[in-house]
Structures are given as C-alpha cells and as structure tokens.
Protein backbone atom coordinates (compact mmCIF):
# COMPACT_ATOMS: atom_id res chain seq x y z
CA MET A 1 8.21 1.21 19.34
CA ALA A 2 10.34 -0.05 22.57
CA ASP A 3 12.89 -2.04 20.64
CA ASN A 4 13.58 0.93 18.21
CA GLN A 5 15.03 4.55 18.78
CA PHE A 6 14.42 7.25 15.91
CA ASN A 7 17.19 8.76 14.43
CA PRO A 8 16.97 11.56 11.39
CA SER A 9 18.59 9.26 8.46
CA ILE A 10 17.70 11.51 5.31
CA SER A 11 17.33 15.03 4.99
CA THR A 12 14.76 16.51 2.37
CA GLN A 13 14.83 20.26 1.46
CA GLY A 14 15.62 21.02 5.20
CA ILE A 15 13.11 18.59 6.65
CA GLN A 16 14.64 15.76 8.86
CA LEU A 17 12.83 12.39 8.29
CA PRO A 18 12.94 9.99 11.16
CA LEU A 19 13.70 6.77 10.13
CA ILE A 20 14.01 3.53 12.32
CA ALA A 21 17.62 3.22 13.75
CA PRO A 22 18.90 -0.54 13.20
CA LEU A 23 18.06 -3.47 15.20
CA ARG A 24 20.47 -5.73 16.55
CA ARG A 25 18.83 -8.78 15.51
CA PRO A 26 18.05 -9.65 11.81
CA LEU A 27 14.81 -9.07 10.45
CA PRO A 28 13.13 -12.39 8.19
CA ILE A 29 11.04 -12.18 5.76
CA THR A 30 8.41 -15.39 6.09
CA ALA A 31 6.63 -16.06 2.86
CA ILE A 32 3.29 -17.16 3.79
CA GLU A 33 2.91 -18.76 0.43
CA PRO A 34 5.27 -19.70 -2.33
CA LYS A 35 4.56 -16.30 -4.43
CA GLY A 36 4.97 -14.30 -0.67
CA VAL A 37 1.53 -13.95 -0.46
CA VAL A 38 0.66 -12.37 3.04
CA TYR A 39 -3.14 -11.30 3.43
CA THR A 40 -3.88 -8.27 5.15
CA LYS A 41 -6.69 -7.91 7.95
CA ARG A 42 -9.64 -5.70 7.30
CA TRP A 43 -8.82 -3.23 9.79
CA VAL A 44 -5.72 -2.39 8.60
CA VAL A 45 -7.31 -2.24 4.84
CA GLU A 46 -9.73 0.29 5.94
CA LEU A 47 -6.80 2.21 7.91
CA LEU A 48 -4.46 2.27 5.19
CA LEU A 49 -7.83 3.39 2.73
CA ASP A 50 -8.86 6.28 5.30
CA LEU A 51 -4.68 7.37 5.44
CA SER A 52 -4.46 7.51 1.49
CA GLY A 53 -7.32 9.36 1.50
CA TYR A 54 -9.29 7.09 -0.80
CA THR A 55 -12.20 7.93 1.08
CA GLN A 56 -16.20 7.80 -0.31
CA ASP A 57 -16.42 11.70 0.02
CA LYS A 58 -14.15 11.90 -2.73
CA ASN A 59 -14.97 12.14 -6.48
CA LEU A 60 -13.47 8.32 -6.61
CA VAL A 61 -15.33 7.73 -10.24
CA ASP A 62 -12.75 10.02 -11.70
CA SER A 63 -9.67 9.06 -10.14
CA LEU A 64 -7.54 6.15 -11.00
CA ALA A 65 -6.78 3.86 -8.12
CA ILE A 66 -4.26 0.94 -8.55
CA GLU A 67 -4.03 -2.16 -7.01
CA PRO A 68 -0.47 -3.53 -7.70
CA ALA A 69 -0.98 -6.86 -6.06
CA ALA A 70 -4.22 -8.12 -5.39
CA GLY A 71 -4.35 -11.52 -4.07
CA ASP A 72 -7.77 -12.58 -3.69
CA GLY A 73 -9.06 -9.02 -3.26
CA ALA A 74 -8.57 -8.12 0.12
CA PHE A 75 -8.29 -4.56 -0.47
CA LEU A 76 -10.49 -4.81 -3.67
CA GLY A 77 -13.59 -5.12 -1.53
CA PRO A 78 -13.44 -2.28 0.70
CA MET A 79 -12.27 0.08 -2.49
CA ILE A 80 -15.08 -1.27 -4.70
CA GLU A 81 -17.73 -0.32 -1.50
CA ARG A 82 -16.40 2.99 -1.45
CA LEU A 83 -16.35 3.29 -4.94
CA VAL A 84 -20.03 2.55 -5.40
CA LYS A 85 -20.81 5.19 -2.21
CA SER A 86 -18.80 7.81 -3.93
CA CYS A 87 -21.33 7.09 -7.08
CA GLN A 88 -24.16 7.18 -4.90
CA LYS A 89 -23.03 10.44 -3.16
CA LEU A 90 -22.14 12.17 -6.87
CA GLY A 91 -25.49 10.55 -8.28
CA ARG A 92 -22.94 8.88 -11.12
CA SER A 93 -23.65 5.31 -12.43
CA LEU A 94 -21.42 2.36 -11.84
CA SER A 95 -20.86 2.32 -15.54
CA GLU A 96 -18.88 5.16 -15.49
CA CYS A 97 -16.16 3.47 -13.12
CA GLN A 98 -14.62 0.91 -15.83
CA ASN A 99 -11.60 3.12 -15.55
CA SER A 100 -11.47 4.21 -11.70
CA LEU A 101 -10.08 0.79 -10.67
CA LEU A 102 -7.30 -1.47 -11.57
CA ALA A 103 -5.83 -4.41 -9.84
CA TYR A 104 -2.98 -6.91 -10.64
CA GLU A 105 -2.47 -10.17 -9.73
CA LEU A 106 0.11 -12.91 -11.09
CA ASP A 107 -1.48 -15.64 -10.19
CA GLU A 108 -4.25 -16.89 -12.40
CA LYS A 109 -6.22 -18.59 -9.95
CA SER A 110 -5.83 -15.70 -7.37
CA ALA A 111 -7.14 -13.36 -10.17
CA ALA A 112 -10.38 -15.56 -10.92
CA ARG A 113 -11.52 -15.83 -7.23
CA ALA A 114 -10.82 -11.76 -6.99
CA ARG A 115 -13.30 -11.25 -10.14
CA ALA A 116 -15.83 -13.84 -8.65
CA VAL A 117 -15.80 -12.03 -5.32
CA ILE A 118 -15.94 -8.44 -7.41
CA GLN A 119 -19.11 -9.52 -9.37
CA GLU A 120 -20.85 -10.59 -6.19
CA LEU A 121 -19.99 -7.53 -4.15
CA LEU A 122 -21.48 -5.27 -7.06
CA LYS A 123 -24.45 -7.63 -7.57
CA ASP A 124 -25.42 -6.89 -3.95
CA HIS A 125 -25.02 -3.37 -4.73
CA GLY A 126 -27.66 -3.63 -7.14
CA ALA A 127 -25.41 -4.18 -10.50
CA LYS A 128 -26.75 -6.04 -13.13
CA SER A 129 -24.76 -9.41 -13.84
CA PRO A 130 -23.46 -8.27 -17.30
CA LEU A 131 -22.17 -4.93 -15.55
CA ALA A 132 -20.54 -6.87 -12.77
CA LYS A 133 -19.01 -8.89 -15.17
CA ARG A 134 -17.60 -6.64 -17.15
CA LEU A 135 -16.24 -4.27 -14.39
CA ALA A 136 -14.85 -7.41 -12.65
CA ASP A 137 -12.80 -7.65 -16.28
CA ALA A 138 -11.93 -4.63 -16.73
CA TRP A 139 -10.48 -4.15 -13.15
CA VAL A 140 -8.74 -6.89 -12.40
CA VAL A 141 -5.65 -7.82 -14.93
CA ASN A 142 -3.87 -11.17 -14.53
CA GLY A 143 -0.23 -9.99 -14.97
CA ASP A 144 2.82 -8.99 -13.40
CA TYR A 145 2.51 -4.84 -12.12
CA LEU A 146 6.06 -4.63 -12.65
CA LEU A 147 6.41 -5.42 -16.32
CA ASP A 148 3.30 -3.54 -17.08
CA VAL A 149 3.77 -0.17 -15.94
CA GLU A 150 2.46 2.56 -18.30
CA THR A 151 2.49 6.47 -18.80
CA ARG A 152 -0.95 6.34 -17.31
CA GLN A 153 -1.11 8.78 -14.21
CA ALA A 154 -2.76 7.40 -10.93
CA ASP A 155 -4.37 9.14 -8.41
CA PHE A 156 -3.87 6.29 -5.76
CA ILE A 157 -1.69 3.05 -5.46
CA ILE A 158 -2.61 1.06 -2.56
CA GLY A 159 -1.90 -2.24 -1.41
CA ASN A 160 0.47 -4.78 -0.13
CA PRO A 161 3.40 -6.00 -1.72
CA PRO A 162 4.70 -9.61 -2.15
CA TYR A 163 7.40 -10.46 0.59
CA VAL A 164 10.04 -12.22 -1.87
CA ARG A 165 13.56 -12.01 -1.73
CA LEU A 166 15.03 -11.35 -4.99
CA GLU A 167 17.34 -14.11 -5.03
CA ASP A 168 14.08 -16.64 -4.56
CA ILE A 169 12.92 -15.16 -8.32
CA PRO A 170 14.18 -16.88 -11.38
CA GLU A 171 17.52 -15.40 -12.54
CA GLU A 172 16.01 -13.98 -15.93
CA THR A 173 13.08 -12.44 -14.08
CA ALA A 174 15.26 -11.23 -11.61
CA SER A 175 17.50 -9.59 -14.22
CA VAL A 176 14.62 -8.02 -15.74
CA TYR A 177 13.23 -6.35 -12.65
CA ARG A 178 16.92 -5.34 -11.92
CA SER A 179 17.13 -3.59 -15.56
CA ALA A 180 13.78 -1.84 -15.07
CA TYR A 181 14.05 -0.82 -11.49
CA PRO A 182 17.69 0.98 -10.55
CA THR A 183 16.11 1.34 -7.09
CA MET A 184 17.00 -2.69 -6.76
CA ARG A 185 20.33 -2.81 -5.39
CA GLY A 186 22.38 -5.33 -3.68
CA ARG A 187 19.91 -8.03 -1.98
CA ALA A 188 16.72 -5.88 -2.20
CA ASP A 189 12.97 -7.59 -1.77
CA LEU A 190 10.88 -7.30 -4.16
CA TYR A 191 8.79 -4.75 -2.55
CA VAL A 192 11.59 -1.84 -3.56
CA ALA A 193 11.12 -2.20 -7.04
CA PHE A 194 7.23 -1.94 -5.76
CA PHE A 195 7.68 1.24 -4.46
CA GLU A 196 9.59 2.63 -7.61
CA ALA A 197 7.15 1.55 -10.02
CA ALA A 198 4.34 3.19 -8.09
CA LEU A 199 6.02 6.21 -6.98
CA ARG A 200 6.60 6.74 -10.93
CA GLU A 201 3.39 6.21 -12.11
CA LEU A 202 1.90 8.91 -9.65
CA LYS A 203 0.49 11.87 -11.15
CA THR A 204 1.19 15.27 -9.02
CA GLY A 205 -0.45 15.17 -5.57
CA GLY A 206 -0.98 11.42 -6.25
CA VAL A 207 -0.65 8.77 -3.31
CA CYS A 208 1.22 5.68 -2.98
CA ALA A 209 -0.12 3.93 0.67
CA PHE A 210 1.60 0.43 1.38
CA ILE A 211 1.81 -1.67 4.36
CA CYS A 212 5.36 -4.12 3.54
CA ALA A 213 8.05 -4.67 5.33
CA ASP A 214 10.34 -1.46 6.78
CA ARG A 215 13.78 -2.88 6.08
CA TRP A 216 14.15 -0.36 3.45
CA MET A 217 14.40 2.49 5.93
CA ARG A 218 17.59 1.46 7.43
CA ASN A 219 19.80 -1.27 5.26
CA GLN A 220 21.81 -0.49 2.37
CA TYR A 221 19.86 -1.94 -0.23
CA GLY A 222 17.31 0.79 0.27
CA ALA A 223 19.33 3.54 -0.43
CA GLU A 224 18.45 4.11 -3.82
CA LEU A 225 15.06 4.11 -2.73
CA ARG A 226 15.41 6.52 0.19
CA GLN A 227 17.21 9.01 -2.87
CA LEU A 228 14.27 8.30 -4.87
CA ILE A 229 11.78 9.38 -2.16
CA SER A 230 14.00 12.50 -0.81
CA SER A 231 13.86 13.38 -4.38
CA ALA A 232 10.56 14.25 -5.30
CA TYR A 233 7.80 13.29 -2.85
CA SER A 234 6.57 13.62 0.51
CA VAL A 235 6.55 11.12 3.14
CA GLU A 236 3.59 12.03 5.12
CA ILE A 237 2.75 8.87 7.67
CA LEU A 238 5.45 6.51 8.91
CA LEU A 239 2.95 4.03 10.97
CA SER A 240 5.18 1.20 12.34
CA MET A 241 2.83 -2.13 12.60
CA HIS A 242 5.49 -4.25 14.24
CA HIS A 243 3.26 -5.27 17.10
CA ALA A 244 0.27 -5.13 15.66
CA ASN A 245 -1.93 -7.94 14.21
CA ALA A 246 -2.19 -6.81 10.71
CA PHE A 247 -2.28 -10.29 8.94
CA ASP A 248 -4.22 -13.04 8.77
CA ASP A 249 -1.28 -15.24 9.54
CA ASP A 250 1.87 -14.58 11.89
CA VAL A 251 4.29 -12.99 10.25
CA ASP A 252 8.08 -11.95 11.01
CA ALA A 253 8.30 -8.86 8.38
CA TYR A 254 7.99 -5.75 10.96
CA PRO A 255 5.82 -4.40 8.75
CA ALA A 256 4.93 -0.62 8.53
CA ILE A 257 2.09 1.64 6.80
CA THR A 258 3.91 4.32 4.62
CA VAL A 259 2.12 7.07 2.89
CA ILE A 260 4.10 8.87 0.06
CA ARG A 261 2.44 11.70 -2.16
CA TYR A 262 4.16 12.97 -5.36
CA THR A 263 4.79 16.68 -3.95
CA THR A 264 7.73 18.58 -1.97
CA GLN A 265 8.31 17.43 1.11
CA ARG A 266 6.38 18.19 4.17
CA SER A 267 6.17 17.33 8.02
CA THR A 268 6.10 13.47 8.11
CA ILE A 269 3.96 12.15 11.28
CA VAL A 270 5.59 9.02 12.57
CA ALA A 271 4.09 6.46 15.09
CA SER A 272 3.21 2.97 16.36
CA ALA A 273 0.49 0.71 16.42
CA ASP A 274 0.29 -2.02 19.34
CA GLN A 275 -1.80 -4.88 19.48
CA ASP A 276 -4.75 -3.20 20.99
CA ALA A 277 -4.79 -1.14 17.65
CA GLU A 278 -7.44 -3.63 15.65
CA HIS A 279 -10.02 -3.05 18.68
CA VAL A 280 -10.18 0.94 17.72
CA GLN A 281 -12.28 2.45 14.70
CA PRO A 282 -9.95 2.68 11.51
CA GLY A 283 -11.61 6.06 10.91
CA ARG A 284 -10.40 6.93 14.35
CA LEU A 285 -7.23 5.85 13.89
CA ALA A 286 -6.68 7.52 10.59
CA THR A 287 -7.97 10.89 12.27
CA THR A 288 -6.03 10.68 15.30
CA LEU A 289 -2.56 10.22 13.10
CA GLN A 290 -4.22 12.92 10.72
CA THR A 291 -4.85 15.28 13.02
CA THR A 292 -1.87 15.42 15.22
CA SER A 293 0.51 18.38 15.28
CA GLN A 294 3.38 16.06 16.50
CA ALA A 295 6.15 14.91 14.49
CA ILE A 296 6.21 11.64 16.59
CA LEU A 297 2.88 10.77 17.77
CA PRO A 298 3.32 8.23 20.91
CA THR A 299 1.33 5.02 21.14
CA ALA A 300 -0.17 5.92 23.95
CA SER A 301 -2.33 8.90 22.39
CA ILE A 302 -4.39 5.76 20.34
CA GLU A 303 -6.68 3.93 22.68
CA PRO A 304 -9.16 1.66 22.53
CA SER A 305 -12.53 2.65 22.13
C-alpha cells in the first residue's frame, strides 16, 4: 500500500498488531444502494472463504456458518457449493444441513431473490424441489442480524457488512443499535456493530471473516472495537484491498479483508492486494498468505498466474 505506512497501534499480550496509519485525506464511504449494499466479486468471495477456513475438506455439515448481510446471495452461492462438496466427501445427505447455514437479509425482495437462487443451485446439485425449498427457507432469514443475535455459537461468520453511516439510520433504530453494541461510539459506521455482534457470537476457535472499510483500525470511533478484539481475539490476517477490484461497482471505501479468530492473539499477517490479484487463482492467493512466515507479506510475492 504505497499511500500508507504500518505503525504498531495495538499491543495484545505482547504481540504488536500492525495497523494502518492515518491518511491525510478523508475516507468517503459510497453506498451503491440506499441501504448501503455493495456487492462483492466472486474471486473475493472465494478468497475470503479460503482464508476463513470454510473449505470443502472440512466437516461443514456439523458447523454453523452465518452470513449477516446476505444481499442477493453473493456469499451464499459459493458457501453452498462448498457445503454440498463437504456432504459428498463425508457421505452425508443435504437433508442434514438445515442447521449448517444461516443468512440474514433486511430487504424482503433481496431475501426472496436469495432463496430463489439457492433453490436453483440446490436442484442443480441433485436436490429435489421440496428439499431445496425447505433448505432455502431455513437458511435465509428476512430480518435484522443486529437485532436477532442469540446465544448460539457459530463456527464461521462471513460476509460484507453494509456500508452505512450511523447518522443515515433513523434515530430510533440508531439508538437501539448503540444500546446493544457499546463499540459503536462517536460517528461509527454500522459495520462496527456487525463486527461486535459477530465476535460475540463465535464459539471458541470460531472465525469472523469480513470485507469492509478499514477505517475502524485507525479512527477514534474504532477504539472500543479494537479494545474488544485485543481482549480475547486473534487477528490472523489483514489484507488491504484498496487497489484491488473487489466489488461489482466502483466504491471509495478503502476495503480490507479481516480474519479474526476467537482465541488468544498469535502472529498477524498483513498484506495488500493490487489490481492484478483477481487474475490469480483464489486458492493460490490464500495459500501464499497462510504459509508465509513474514509478519508483513509484500504485494510483490503474490503474482498473477
């Protein structure tokens, strides 16, 4: 990241977590749709799933994966494909997967589209129509994830939280969010609440993997979130996507992929992806990141295939 430098900003049990130093210019958040929906490209979804460990070689049937802001299902499609392959590998039936996935979508029409996409995808993989409908209805909830967090424990919470400023939310709703999520301080963007909700819902060893704006890493309003993370979680990967083509539309959001595990802090890999990253097979990108022994992985070590 040519326009940034890394400064150690948080100390977690003796581990210095490098965070991105403040920029001299403001970081605008551009909402593509009124509700802050920004759709993620497929290669980024696959990369994020790989980095989170949501892979077909795992037992995904007996795991719970949550997508807190599903949209039309950009993450759900690849997640379901991996779940189906995990079923096949384990010799399990899709009928056993009703509790394997849970996705929230606030917009009713988007939720309906996501269910329709899921049904067709499942039928393409051999599921009968009744089973496909039952799973789609069980997996997609038309509701607000932030207001429906329960005591369940998730193995994976994965997605792209909405890009919405708190001042753009109705005052009554914003007040409820602030009461429920203490990390939302000052002029915090809504994704801060999504981070807190996800982290508190993880089981021990569970993973939160988001792609969203990285302003919380350096702005004052992210202080409480940083403190929460340093108290009980391990930031495994910070991958800057400032110069990568991560979304279907142009977005001035300075995004990053952040992978956080509910465990004591270990070493953190910090890296940046440029515009050529989308031409590299996502699995290769993930392997390169996960096997590096360096604290900071230079962009030059990730080359197009």
